[in-house]
């Protein structure tokens, strides 16, 4: 069985449809309704969309790189939100949660 067939067997269709609808609505509001996006918003979208789509795949959380990449993504989202100039408190919470998660992953792997 190839990797593509394996992925097709693990995707939850209902969750994928809901996530595509959420991403579509978010894309419309971010890039059309609110006007031209900033560079930070575009880079942020390249980080957030794969994180959201990963939730539609069964057992993706069991991969050893999933948690570190998720926490690293949270830190990146927080930094980009801060650089974009919006949601300073939320950006700080993203960075704080991602950093705590990365530290806990490092501690768990060293034990």
PDB file of N, CA and C in Angstrom:
ATOM      1  N   UNK A   1       0.847  -1.164   0.000  1.00  0.00           N
ATOM      2  CA  UNK A   1       0.000   0.000   0.000  1.00  0.00           C
ATOM      3  C   UNK A   1       0.904   1.243   0.000  1.00  0.00           C
ATOM      4  N   UNK A   2       0.659   2.159  -0.900  1.00  0.00           N
ATOM      5  CA  UNK A   2       1.472   3.362  -0.983  1.00  0.00           C
ATOM      6  C   UNK A   2       1.079   4.349   0.109  1.00  0.00           C
ATOM      7  N   UNK A   3       1.917   5.349   0.275  1.00  0.00           N
ATOM      8  CA  UNK A   3       1.649   6.350   1.309  1.00  0.00           C
ATOM      9  C   UNK A   3       0.359   7.112   1.017  1.00  0.00           C
ATOM     10  N   UNK A   4       0.078   7.376  -0.262  1.00  0.00           N
ATOM     11  CA  UNK A   4      -1.146   8.105  -0.610  1.00  0.00           C
ATOM     12  C   UNK A   4      -2.386   7.295  -0.254  1.00  0.00           C
ATOM     13  N   UNK A   5      -2.364   5.993  -0.546  1.00  0.00           N
ATOM     14  CA  UNK A   5      -3.512   5.155  -0.184  1.00  0.00           C
ATOM     15  C   UNK A   5      -3.657   5.062   1.330  1.00  0.00           C
ATOM     16  N   UNK A   6      -2.536   4.993   2.033  1.00  0.00           N
ATOM     17  CA  UNK A   6      -2.582   4.954   3.489  1.00  0.00           C
ATOM     18  C   UNK A   6      -3.193   6.239   4.037  1.00  0.00           C
ATOM     19  N   UNK A   7      -2.812   7.374   3.469  1.00  0.00           N
ATOM     20  CA  UNK A   7      -3.374   8.653   3.907  1.00  0.00           C
ATOM     21  C   UNK A   7      -4.864   8.732   3.593  1.00  0.00           C
ATOM     22  N   UNK A   8      -5.265   8.252   2.421  1.00  0.00           N
ATOM     23  CA  UNK A   8      -6.676   8.270   2.048  1.00  0.00           C
ATOM     24  C   UNK A   8      -7.516   7.431   3.007  1.00  0.00           C
ATOM     25  N   UNK A   9      -6.941   6.358   3.515  1.00  0.00           N
ATOM     26  CA  UNK A   9      -7.674   5.519   4.463  1.00  0.00           C
ATOM     27  C   UNK A   9      -7.787   6.169   5.844  1.00  0.00           C
ATOM     28  N   UNK A  10      -6.875   7.079   6.162  1.00  0.00           N
ATOM     29  CA  UNK A  10      -6.843   7.672   7.499  1.00  0.00           C
ATOM     30  C   UNK A  10      -7.567   9.010   7.584  1.00  0.00           C
ATOM     31  N   UNK A  11      -7.904   9.635   6.473  1.00  0.00           N
ATOM     32  CA  UNK A  11      -8.590  10.922   6.500  1.00  0.00           C
ATOM     33  C   UNK A  11     -10.052  10.710   6.872  1.00  0.00           C
ATOM     34  N   UNK A  12     -10.519  11.528   7.804  1.00  0.00           N
ATOM     35  CA  UNK A  12     -11.931  11.491   8.194  1.00  0.00           C
ATOM     36  C   UNK A  12     -12.684  12.482   7.307  1.00  0.00           C
ATOM     37  N   UNK A  13     -13.558  11.995   6.404  1.00  0.00           N
ATOM     38  CA  UNK A  13     -14.199  12.882   5.427  1.00  0.00           C
ATOM     39  C   UNK A  13     -15.061  13.980   6.040  1.00  0.00           C
ATOM     40  N   UNK A  14     -15.816  13.663   7.063  1.00  0.00           N
ATOM     41  CA  UNK A  14     -16.666  14.675   7.688  1.00  0.00           C
ATOM     42  C   UNK A  14     -15.847  15.788   8.318  1.00  0.00           C
ATOM     43  N   UNK A  15     -14.807  15.395   9.035  1.00  0.00           N
ATOM     44  CA  UNK A  15     -13.933  16.395   9.658  1.00  0.00           C
ATOM     45  C   UNK A  15     -13.222  17.230   8.608  1.00  0.00           C
ATOM     46  N   UNK A  16     -12.841  16.603   7.508  1.00  0.00           N
ATOM     47  CA  UNK A  16     -12.167  17.332   6.437  1.00  0.00           C
ATOM     48  C   UNK A  16     -13.098  18.366   5.807  1.00  0.00           C
ATOM     49  N   UNK A  17     -14.351  18.007   5.581  1.00  0.00           N
ATOM     50  CA  UNK A  17     -15.311  18.962   5.016  1.00  0.00           C
ATOM     51  C   UNK A  17     -15.535  20.151   5.945  1.00  0.00           C
ATOM     52  N   UNK A  18     -15.678  19.881   7.238  1.00  0.00           N
ATOM     53  CA  UNK A  18     -15.868  20.966   8.206  1.00  0.00           C
ATOM     54  C   UNK A  18     -14.629  21.862   8.235  1.00  0.00           C
ATOM     55  N   UNK A  19     -13.449  21.261   8.240  1.00  0.00           N
ATOM     56  CA  UNK A  19     -12.213  22.041   8.303  1.00  0.00           C
ATOM     57  C   UNK A  19     -12.005  22.855   7.028  1.00  0.00           C
ATOM     58  N   UNK A  20     -12.338  22.299   5.880  1.00  0.00           N
ATOM     59  CA  UNK A  20     -12.220  23.054   4.630  1.00  0.00           C
ATOM     60  C   UNK A  20     -13.191  24.232   4.624  1.00  0.00           C
ATOM     61  N   UNK A  21     -14.388  24.036   5.178  1.00  0.00           N
ATOM     62  CA  UNK A  21     -15.344  25.146   5.275  1.00  0.00           C
ATOM     63  C   UNK A  21     -14.824  26.236   6.211  1.00  0.00           C
ATOM     64  N   UNK A  22     -14.251  25.858   7.337  1.00  0.00           N
ATOM     65  CA  UNK A  22     -13.690  26.833   8.276  1.00  0.00           C
ATOM     66  C   UNK A  22     -12.515  27.569   7.647  1.00  0.00           C
ATOM     67  N   UNK A  23     -11.635  26.836   6.983  1.00  0.00           N
ATOM     68  CA  UNK A  23     -10.479  27.460   6.334  1.00  0.00           C
ATOM     69  C   UNK A  23     -10.933  28.372   5.200  1.00  0.00           C
ATOM     70  N   UNK A  24     -11.934  27.949   4.451  1.00  0.00           N
ATOM     71  CA  UNK A  24     -12.461  28.789   3.372  1.00  0.00           C
ATOM     72  C   UNK A  24     -13.055  30.084   3.893  1.00  0.00           C
ATOM     73  N   UNK A  25     -13.827  29.985   4.966  1.00  0.00           N
ATOM     74  CA  UNK A  25     -14.419  31.195   5.558  1.00  0.00           C
ATOM     75  C   UNK A  25     -13.328  32.094   6.131  1.00  0.00           C
ATOM     76  N   UNK A  26     -12.371  31.506   6.797  1.00  0.00           N
ATOM     77  CA  UNK A  26     -11.273  32.287   7.352  1.00  0.00           C
ATOM     78  C   UNK A  26     -10.445  32.960   6.274  1.00  0.00           C
ATOM     79  N   UNK A  27     -10.217  32.248   5.182  1.00  0.00           N
ATOM     80  CA  UNK A  27      -9.474  32.824   4.061  1.00  0.00           C
ATOM     81  C   UNK A  27     -10.232  33.988   3.461  1.00  0.00           C
ATOM     82  N   UNK A  28     -11.533  33.855   3.306  1.00  0.00           N
ATOM     83  CA  UNK A  28     -12.336  34.948   2.763  1.00  0.00           C
ATOM     84  C   UNK A  28     -12.234  36.187   3.656  1.00  0.00           C
ATOM     85  N   UNK A  29     -12.449  36.000   4.954  1.00  0.00           N
ATOM     86  CA  UNK A  29     -12.420  37.157   5.853  1.00  0.00           C
ATOM     87  C   UNK A  29     -11.024  37.763   5.949  1.00  0.00           C
ATOM     88  N   UNK A  30     -10.005  36.933   5.994  1.00  0.00           N
ATOM     89  CA  UNK A  30      -8.640  37.437   6.168  1.00  0.00           C
ATOM     90  C   UNK A  30      -8.123  38.158   4.925  1.00  0.00           C
ATOM     91  N   UNK A  31      -8.411  37.613   3.746  1.00  0.00           N
ATOM     92  CA  UNK A  31      -7.784  38.129   2.535  1.00  0.00           C
ATOM     93  C   UNK A  31      -8.699  38.950   1.640  1.00  0.00           C
ATOM     94  N   UNK A  32     -10.014  38.834   1.786  1.00  0.00           N
ATOM     95  CA  UNK A  32     -10.933  39.571   0.922  1.00  0.00           C
ATOM     96  C   UNK A  32     -11.685  40.633   1.731  1.00  0.00           C
ATOM     97  N   UNK A  33     -12.375  40.223   2.762  1.00  0.00           N
ATOM     98  CA  UNK A  33     -13.247  41.122   3.515  1.00  0.00           C
ATOM     99  C   UNK A  33     -12.469  42.229   4.229  1.00  0.00           C
ATOM    100  N   UNK A  34     -11.360  41.876   4.878  1.00  0.00           N
ATOM    101  CA  UNK A  34     -10.583  42.854   5.635  1.00  0.00           C
ATOM    102  C   UNK A  34      -9.561  43.604   4.791  1.00  0.00           C
ATOM    103  N   UNK A  35      -9.549  43.391   3.500  1.00  0.00           N
ATOM    104  CA  UNK A  35      -8.635  44.118   2.631  1.00  0.00           C
ATOM    105  C   UNK A  35      -7.364  43.334   2.374  1.00  0.00           C
ATOM    106  N   UNK A  36      -6.411  43.997   1.753  1.00  0.00           N
ATOM    107  CA  UNK A  36      -5.176  43.286   1.401  1.00  0.00           C
ATOM    108  C   UNK A  36      -4.423  42.821   2.656  1.00  0.00           C
ATOM    109  N   UNK A  37      -3.944  41.583   2.636  1.00  0.00           N
ATOM    110  CA  UNK A  37      -3.259  41.041   3.811  1.00  0.00           C
ATOM    111  C   UNK A  37      -1.820  41.544   3.900  1.00  0.00           C
ATOM    112  N   UNK A  38      -1.287  41.475   5.099  1.00  0.00           N
ATOM    113  CA  UNK A  38       0.115  41.790   5.300  1.00  0.00           C
ATOM    114  C   UNK A  38       0.958  40.547   5.005  1.00  0.00           C
ATOM    115  N   UNK A  39       2.243  40.736   4.891  1.00  0.00           N
ATOM    116  CA  UNK A  39       3.147  39.602   4.673  1.00  0.00           C
ATOM    117  C   UNK A  39       3.074  38.634   5.844  1.00  0.00           C
ATOM    118  N   UNK A  40       2.952  39.169   7.058  1.00  0.00           N
ATOM    119  CA  UNK A  40       2.859  38.307   8.243  1.00  0.00           C
ATOM    120  C   UNK A  40       1.599  37.455   8.218  1.00  0.00           C
ATOM    121  N   UNK A  41       0.503  38.010   7.732  1.00  0.00           N
ATOM    122  CA  UNK A  41      -0.746  37.247   7.652  1.00  0.00           C
ATOM    123  C   UNK A  41      -0.626  36.102   6.645  1.00  0.00           C
ATOM    124  N   UNK A  42       0.058  36.340   5.558  1.00  0.00           N
ATOM    125  CA  UNK A  42       0.236  35.289   4.549  1.00  0.00           C
ATOM    126  C   UNK A  42       1.117  34.168   5.097  1.00  0.00           C
ATOM    127  N   UNK A  43       2.227  34.530   5.738  1.00  0.00           N
ATOM    128  CA  UNK A  43       3.106  33.516   6.327  1.00  0.00           C
ATOM    129  C   UNK A  43       2.371  32.757   7.425  1.00  0.00           C
ATOM    130  N   UNK A  44       1.595  33.462   8.213  1.00  0.00           N
ATOM    131  CA  UNK A  44       0.810  32.837   9.274  1.00  0.00           C
ATOM    132  C   UNK A  44      -0.158  31.811   8.695  1.00  0.00           C
ATOM    133  N   UNK A  45      -0.761  32.144   7.577  1.00  0.00           N
ATOM    134  CA  UNK A  45      -1.708  31.230   6.932  1.00  0.00           C
ATOM    135  C   UNK A  45      -1.009  29.962   6.469  1.00  0.00           C
ATOM    136  N   UNK A  46       0.254  30.076   6.009  1.00  0.00           N
ATOM    137  CA  UNK A  46       1.012  28.898   5.583  1.00  0.00           C
ATOM    138  C   UNK A  46       1.364  27.991   6.757  1.00  0.00           C
ATOM    139  N   UNK A  47       1.360  28.519   7.962  1.00  0.00           N
ATOM    140  CA  UNK A  47       1.633  27.712   9.147  1.00  0.00           C
ATOM    141  C   UNK A  47       0.345  27.125   9.718  1.00  0.00           C
ATOM    142  N   UNK A  48      -0.711  27.925   9.766  1.00  0.00           N
ATOM    143  CA  UNK A  48      -1.946  27.524  10.438  1.00  0.00           C
ATOM    144  C   UNK A  48      -2.739  26.492   9.639  1.00  0.00           C
ATOM    145  N   UNK A  49      -2.833  26.659   8.330  1.00  0.00           N
ATOM    146  CA  UNK A  49      -3.667  25.758   7.525  1.00  0.00           C
ATOM    147  C   UNK A  49      -3.188  24.303   7.608  1.00  0.00           C
ATOM    148  N   UNK A  50      -1.884  24.000   7.465  1.00  0.00           N
ATOM    149  CA  UNK A  50      -1.490  22.596   7.640  1.00  0.00           C
ATOM    150  C   UNK A  50      -1.740  22.069   9.054  1.00  0.00           C
ATOM    151  N   UNK A  51      -1.596  22.946  10.055  1.00  0.00           N
ATOM    152  CA  UNK A  51      -1.893  22.506  11.418  1.00  0.00           C
ATOM    153  C   UNK A  51      -3.366  22.134  11.556  1.00  0.00           C
ATOM    154  N   UNK A  52      -4.245  22.919  10.944  1.00  0.00           N
ATOM    155  CA  UNK A  52      -5.670  22.618  11.000  1.00  0.00           C
ATOM    156  C   UNK A  52      -6.008  21.353  10.210  1.00  0.00           C
ATOM    157  N   UNK A  53      -5.427  21.208   9.036  1.00  0.00           N
ATOM    158  CA  UNK A  53      -5.715  20.020   8.222  1.00  0.00           C
ATOM    159  C   UNK A  53      -5.166  18.745   8.844  1.00  0.00           C
ATOM    160  N   UNK A  54      -4.107  18.851   9.625  1.00  0.00           N
ATOM    161  CA  UNK A  54      -3.552  17.667  10.286  1.00  0.00           C
ATOM    162  C   UNK A  54      -4.533  17.079  11.288  1.00  0.00           C
ATOM    163  N   UNK A  55      -5.439  17.891  11.804  1.00  0.00           N
ATOM    164  CA  UNK A  55      -6.409  17.369  12.769  1.00  0.00           C
ATOM    165  C   UNK A  55      -7.438  16.448  12.130  1.00  0.00           C
ATOM    166  N   UNK A  56      -7.532  16.445  10.813  1.00  0.00           N
ATOM    167  CA  UNK A  56      -8.517  15.601  10.135  1.00  0.00           C
ATOM    168  C   UNK A  56      -7.984  14.211   9.827  1.00  0.00           C
ATOM    169  N   UNK A  57      -6.727  13.945  10.152  1.00  0.00           N
ATOM    170  CA  UNK A  57      -6.112  12.646   9.875  1.00  0.00           C
ATOM    171  C   UNK A  57      -6.095  11.823  11.154  1.00  0.00           C
ATOM    172  N   UNK A  58      -6.593  10.611  11.068  1.00  0.00           N
ATOM    173  CA  UNK A  58      -6.638   9.717  12.214  1.00  0.00           C
ATOM    174  C   UNK A  58      -5.224   9.304  12.614  1.00  0.00           C
ATOM    175  N   UNK A  59      -4.957   9.272  13.894  1.00  0.00           N
ATOM    176  CA  UNK A  59      -3.694   8.821  14.487  1.00  0.00           C
ATOM    177  C   UNK A  59      -2.483   9.663  14.110  1.00  0.00           C
ATOM    178  N   UNK A  60      -2.693  10.904  13.672  1.00  0.00           N
ATOM    179  CA  UNK A  60      -1.538  11.741  13.353  1.00  0.00           C
ATOM    180  C   UNK A  60      -0.798  12.141  14.627  1.00  0.00           C
ATOM    181  N   UNK A  61      -1.490  12.201  15.734  1.00  0.00           N
ATOM    182  CA  UNK A  61      -0.872  12.576  16.997  1.00  0.00           C
ATOM    183  C   UNK A  61       0.097  11.549  17.540  1.00  0.00           C
ATOM    184  N   UNK A  62       0.068  10.342  17.017  1.00  0.00           N
ATOM    185  CA  UNK A  62       0.982   9.305  17.497  1.00  0.00           C
ATOM    186  C   UNK A  62       2.358   9.393  16.841  1.00  0.00           C
ATOM    187  N   UNK A  63       2.505  10.238  15.834  1.00  0.00           N
ATOM    188  CA  UNK A  63       3.812  10.397  15.190  1.00  0.00           C
ATOM    189  C   UNK A  63       4.752  11.121  16.152  1.00  0.00           C
ATOM    190  N   UNK A  64       6.018  10.687  16.249  1.00  0.00           N
ATOM    191  CA  UNK A  64       6.923  11.291  17.239  1.00  0.00           C
ATOM    192  C   UNK A  64       7.234  12.765  16.996  1.00  0.00           C
ATOM    193  N   UNK A  65       7.095  13.252  15.786  1.00  0.00           N
ATOM    194  CA  UNK A  65       7.377  14.656  15.512  1.00  0.00           C
ATOM    195  C   UNK A  65       6.150  15.558  15.627  1.00  0.00           C
ATOM    196  N   UNK A  66       4.979  14.979  15.831  1.00  0.00           N
ATOM    197  CA  UNK A  66       3.754  15.785  15.833  1.00  0.00           C
ATOM    198  C   UNK A  66       3.745  16.816  16.954  1.00  0.00           C
ATOM    199  N   UNK A  67       3.983  16.404  18.178  1.00  0.00           N
ATOM    200  CA  UNK A  67       3.920  17.331  19.306  1.00  0.00           C
ATOM    201  C   UNK A  67       4.970  18.437  19.213  1.00  0.00           C
ATOM    202  N   UNK A  68       6.261  18.130  18.934  1.00  0.00           N
ATOM    203  CA  UNK A  68       7.225  19.223  18.809  1.00  0.00           C
ATOM    204  C   UNK A  68       6.883  20.198  17.675  1.00  0.00           C
ATOM    205  N   UNK A  69       6.397  19.689  16.556  1.00  0.00           N
ATOM    206  CA  UNK A  69       6.024  20.573  15.455  1.00  0.00           C
ATOM    207  C   UNK A  69       4.798  21.413  15.811  1.00  0.00           C
ATOM    208  N   UNK A  70       3.869  20.834  16.532  1.00  0.00           N
ATOM    209  CA  UNK A  70       2.691  21.578  16.967  1.00  0.00           C
ATOM    210  C   UNK A  70       3.091  22.719  17.902  1.00  0.00           C
ATOM    211  N   UNK A  71       3.935  22.412  18.878  1.00  0.00           N
ATOM    212  CA  UNK A  71       4.366  23.451  19.814  1.00  0.00           C
ATOM    213  C   UNK A  71       5.225  24.507  19.114  1.00  0.00           C
ATOM    214  N   UNK A  72       6.077  24.083  18.201  1.00  0.00           N
ATOM    215  CA  UNK A  72       6.854  25.040  17.422  1.00  0.00           C
ATOM    216  C   UNK A  72       5.958  25.919  16.564  1.00  0.00           C
ATOM    217  N   UNK A  73       4.900  25.331  16.027  1.00  0.00           N
ATOM    218  CA  UNK A  73       3.929  26.109  15.260  1.00  0.00           C
ATOM    219  C   UNK A  73       3.220  27.133  16.116  1.00  0.00           C
ATOM    220  N   UNK A  74       2.910  26.777  17.357  1.00  0.00           N
ATOM    221  CA  UNK A  74       2.277  27.734  18.263  1.00  0.00           C
ATOM    222  C   UNK A  74       3.198  28.922  18.545  1.00  0.00           C
ATOM    223  N   UNK A  75       4.485  28.639  18.732  1.00  0.00           N
ATOM    224  CA  UNK A  75       5.440  29.727  18.952  1.00  0.00           C
ATOM    225  C   UNK A  75       5.514  30.617  17.713  1.00  0.00           C
ATOM    226  N   UNK A  76       5.580  29.997  16.525  1.00  0.00           N
ATOM    227  CA  UNK A  76       5.647  30.767  15.277  1.00  0.00           C
ATOM    228  C   UNK A  76       4.394  31.619  15.081  1.00  0.00           C
ATOM    229  N   UNK A  77       3.238  31.064  15.393  1.00  0.00           N
ATOM    230  CA  UNK A  77       1.987  31.817  15.270  1.00  0.00           C
ATOM    231  C   UNK A  77       2.013  33.026  16.198  1.00  0.00           C
ATOM    232  N   UNK A  78       2.454  32.837  17.420  1.00  0.00           N
ATOM    233  CA  UNK A  78       2.528  33.947  18.367  1.00  0.00           C
ATOM    234  C   UNK A  78       3.482  35.039  17.913  1.00  0.00           C
ATOM    235  N   UNK A  79       4.633  34.644  17.408  1.00  0.00           N
ATOM    236  CA  UNK A  79       5.611  35.635  16.940  1.00  0.00           C
ATOM    237  C   UNK A  79       5.061  36.398  15.744  1.00  0.00           C
ATOM    238  N   UNK A  80       4.444  35.692  14.802  1.00  0.00           N
ATOM    239  CA  UNK A  80       3.897  36.374  13.629  1.00  0.00           C
ATOM    240  C   UNK A  80       2.730  37.290  13.994  1.00  0.00           C
ATOM    241  N   UNK A  81       1.900  36.872  14.936  1.00  0.00           N
ATOM    242  CA  UNK A  81       0.817  37.741  15.393  1.00  0.00           C
ATOM    243  C   UNK A  81       1.374  39.012  16.028  1.00  0.00           C
ATOM    244  N   UNK A  82       2.423  38.866  16.822  1.00  0.00           N
ATOM    245  CA  UNK A  82       3.039  40.027  17.455  1.00  0.00           C
ATOM    246  C   UNK A  82       3.643  40.959  16.399  1.00  0.00           C
ATOM    247  N   UNK A  83       4.352  40.387  15.430  1.00  0.00           N
ATOM    248  CA  UNK A  83       4.967  41.209  14.386  1.00  0.00           C
ATOM    249  C   UNK A  83       3.924  41.889  13.504  1.00  0.00           C
ATOM    250  N   UNK A  84       2.769  41.253  13.364  1.00  0.00           N
ATOM    251  CA  UNK A  84       1.694  41.833  12.559  1.00  0.00           C
ATOM    252  C   UNK A  84       1.036  43.011  13.269  1.00  0.00           C
ATOM    253  N   UNK A  85       1.238  43.119  14.570  1.00  0.00           N
ATOM    254  CA  UNK A  85       0.734  44.265  15.308  1.00  0.00           C
ATOM    255  C   UNK A  85      -0.651  44.096  15.889  1.00  0.00           C
ATOM    256  N   UNK A  86      -1.188  42.895  15.883  1.00  0.00           N
ATOM    257  CA  UNK A  86      -2.524  42.645  16.424  1.00  0.00           C
ATOM    258  C   UNK A  86      -2.446  41.607  17.533  1.00  0.00           C
ATOM    259  N   UNK A  87      -3.391  41.701  18.438  1.00  0.00           N
ATOM    260  CA  UNK A  87      -3.595  40.669  19.444  1.00  0.00           C
ATOM    261  C   UNK A  87      -2.326  40.384  20.253  1.00  0.00           C
ATOM    262  N   UNK A  88      -1.782  41.393  20.895  1.00  0.00           N
ATOM    263  CA  UNK A  88      -0.534  41.226  21.635  1.00  0.00           C
ATOM    264  C   UNK A  88      -0.657  40.221  22.774  1.00  0.00           C
ATOM    265  N   UNK A  89      -1.752  40.267  23.519  1.00  0.00           N
ATOM    266  CA  UNK A  89      -1.934  39.328  24.619  1.00  0.00           C
ATOM    267  C   UNK A  89      -2.065  37.901  24.097  1.00  0.00           C
ATOM    268  N   UNK A  90      -2.855  37.731  23.052  1.00  0.00           N
ATOM    269  CA  UNK A  90      -3.014  36.405  22.467  1.00  0.00           C
ATOM    270  C   UNK A  90      -1.699  35.897  21.895  1.00  0.00           C
ATOM    271  N   UNK A  91      -0.934  36.779  21.263  1.00  0.00           N
ATOM    272  CA  UNK A  91       0.376  36.389  20.731  1.00  0.00           C
ATOM    273  C   UNK A  91       1.290  35.914  21.850  1.00  0.00           C
ATOM    274  N   UNK A  92       1.274  36.620  22.971  1.00  0.00           N
ATOM    275  CA  UNK A  92       2.081  36.207  24.111  1.00  0.00           C
ATOM    276  C   UNK A  92       1.659  34.864  24.659  1.00  0.00           C
ATOM    277  N   UNK A  93       0.349  34.612  24.686  1.00  0.00           N
ATOM    278  CA  UNK A  93      -0.142  33.313  25.163  1.00  0.00           C
ATOM    279  C   UNK A  93       0.279  32.174  24.231  1.00  0.00           C
ATOM    280  N   UNK A  94       0.241  32.420  22.924  1.00  0.00           N
ATOM    281  CA  UNK A  94       0.698  31.404  21.970  1.00  0.00           C
ATOM    282  C   UNK A  94       2.168  31.078  22.201  1.00  0.00           C
ATOM    283  N   UNK A  95       2.995  32.114  22.346  1.00  0.00           N
ATOM    284  CA  UNK A  95       4.422  31.894  22.563  1.00  0.00           C
ATOM    285  C   UNK A  95       4.662  31.176  23.887  1.00  0.00           C
ATOM    286  N   UNK A  96       3.965  31.597  24.932  1.00  0.00           N
ATOM    287  CA  UNK A  96       4.130  30.976  26.243  1.00  0.00           C
ATOM    288  C   UNK A  96       3.723  29.503  26.218  1.00  0.00           C
ATOM    289  N   UNK A  97       2.567  29.213  25.646  1.00  0.00           N
ATOM    290  CA  UNK A  97       2.091  27.817  25.595  1.00  0.00           C
ATOM    291  C   UNK A  97       2.995  26.949  24.728  1.00  0.00           C
ATOM    292  N   UNK A  98       3.421  27.476  23.594  1.00  0.00           N
ATOM    293  CA  UNK A  98       4.321  26.714  22.734  1.00  0.00           C
ATOM    294  C   UNK A  98       5.656  26.450  23.387  1.00  0.00           C
ATOM    295  N   UNK A  99       6.184  27.446  24.102  1.00  0.00           N
ATOM    296  CA  UNK A  99       7.464  27.274  24.787  1.00  0.00           C
ATOM    297  C   UNK A  99       7.348  26.256  25.913  1.00  0.00           C
ATOM    298  N   UNK A 100       6.296  26.342  26.687  1.00  0.00           N
ATOM    299  CA  UNK A 100       6.082  25.367  27.767  1.00  0.00           C
ATOM    300  C   UNK A 100       5.941  23.961  27.183  1.00  0.00           C
ATOM    301  N   UNK A 101       5.212  23.843  26.070  1.00  0.00           N
ATOM    302  CA  UNK A 101       5.066  22.540  25.428  1.00  0.00           C
ATOM    303  C   UNK A 101       6.383  21.989  24.927  1.00  0.00           C
ATOM    304  N   UNK A 102       7.209  22.845  24.312  1.00  0.00           N
ATOM    305  CA  UNK A 102       8.514  22.387  23.832  1.00  0.00           C
ATOM    306  C   UNK A 102       9.415  21.970  24.986  1.00  0.00           C
ATOM    307  N   UNK A 103       9.383  22.728  26.074  1.00  0.00           N
ATOM    308  CA  UNK A 103      10.194  22.363  27.241  1.00  0.00           C
ATOM    309  C   UNK A 103       9.738  21.030  27.820  1.00  0.00           C
ATOM    310  N   UNK A 104       8.425  20.816  27.888  1.00  0.00           N
ATOM    311  CA  UNK A 104       7.926  19.542  28.416  1.00  0.00           C
ATOM    312  C   UNK A 104       8.279  18.382  27.489  1.00  0.00           C
ATOM    313  N   UNK A 105       8.271  18.612  26.175  1.00  0.00           N
ATOM    314  CA  UNK A 105       8.667  17.559  25.241  1.00  0.00           C
ATOM    315  C   UNK A 105      10.146  17.216  25.408  1.00  0.00           C
ATOM    316  N   UNK A 106      10.976  18.225  25.592  1.00  0.00           N
ATOM    317  CA  UNK A 106      12.401  17.980  25.774  1.00  0.00           C
ATOM    318  C   UNK A 106      12.625  17.196  27.070  1.00  0.00           C
ATOM    319  N   UNK A 107      11.924  17.584  28.124  1.00  0.00           N
ATOM    320  CA  UNK A 107      12.056  16.859  29.400  1.00  0.00           C
ATOM    321  C   UNK A 107      11.570  15.419  29.270  1.00  0.00           C
ATOM    322  N   UNK A 108      10.460  15.207  28.563  1.00  0.00           N
ATOM    323  CA  UNK A 108       9.937  13.838  28.406  1.00  0.00           C
ATOM    324  C   UNK A 108      10.873  12.964  27.597  1.00  0.00           C
ATOM    325  N   UNK A 109      11.495  13.530  26.588  1.00  0.00           N
ATOM    326  CA  UNK A 109      12.395  12.726  25.746  1.00  0.00           C
ATOM    327  C   UNK A 109      13.711  12.452  26.420  1.00  0.00           C
ATOM    328  N   UNK A 110      14.145  13.325  27.319  1.00  0.00           N
ATOM    329  CA  UNK A 110      15.418  13.098  28.017  1.00  0.00           C
ATOM    330  C   UNK A 110      15.262  12.111  29.162  1.00  0.00           C
ATOM    331  N   UNK A 111      14.050  11.892  29.647  1.00  0.00           N
ATOM    332  CA  UNK A 111      13.831  10.935  30.753  1.00  0.00           C
ATOM    333  C   UNK A 111      13.679   9.541  30.249  1.00  0.00           C
TER     334      UNK A 111
END
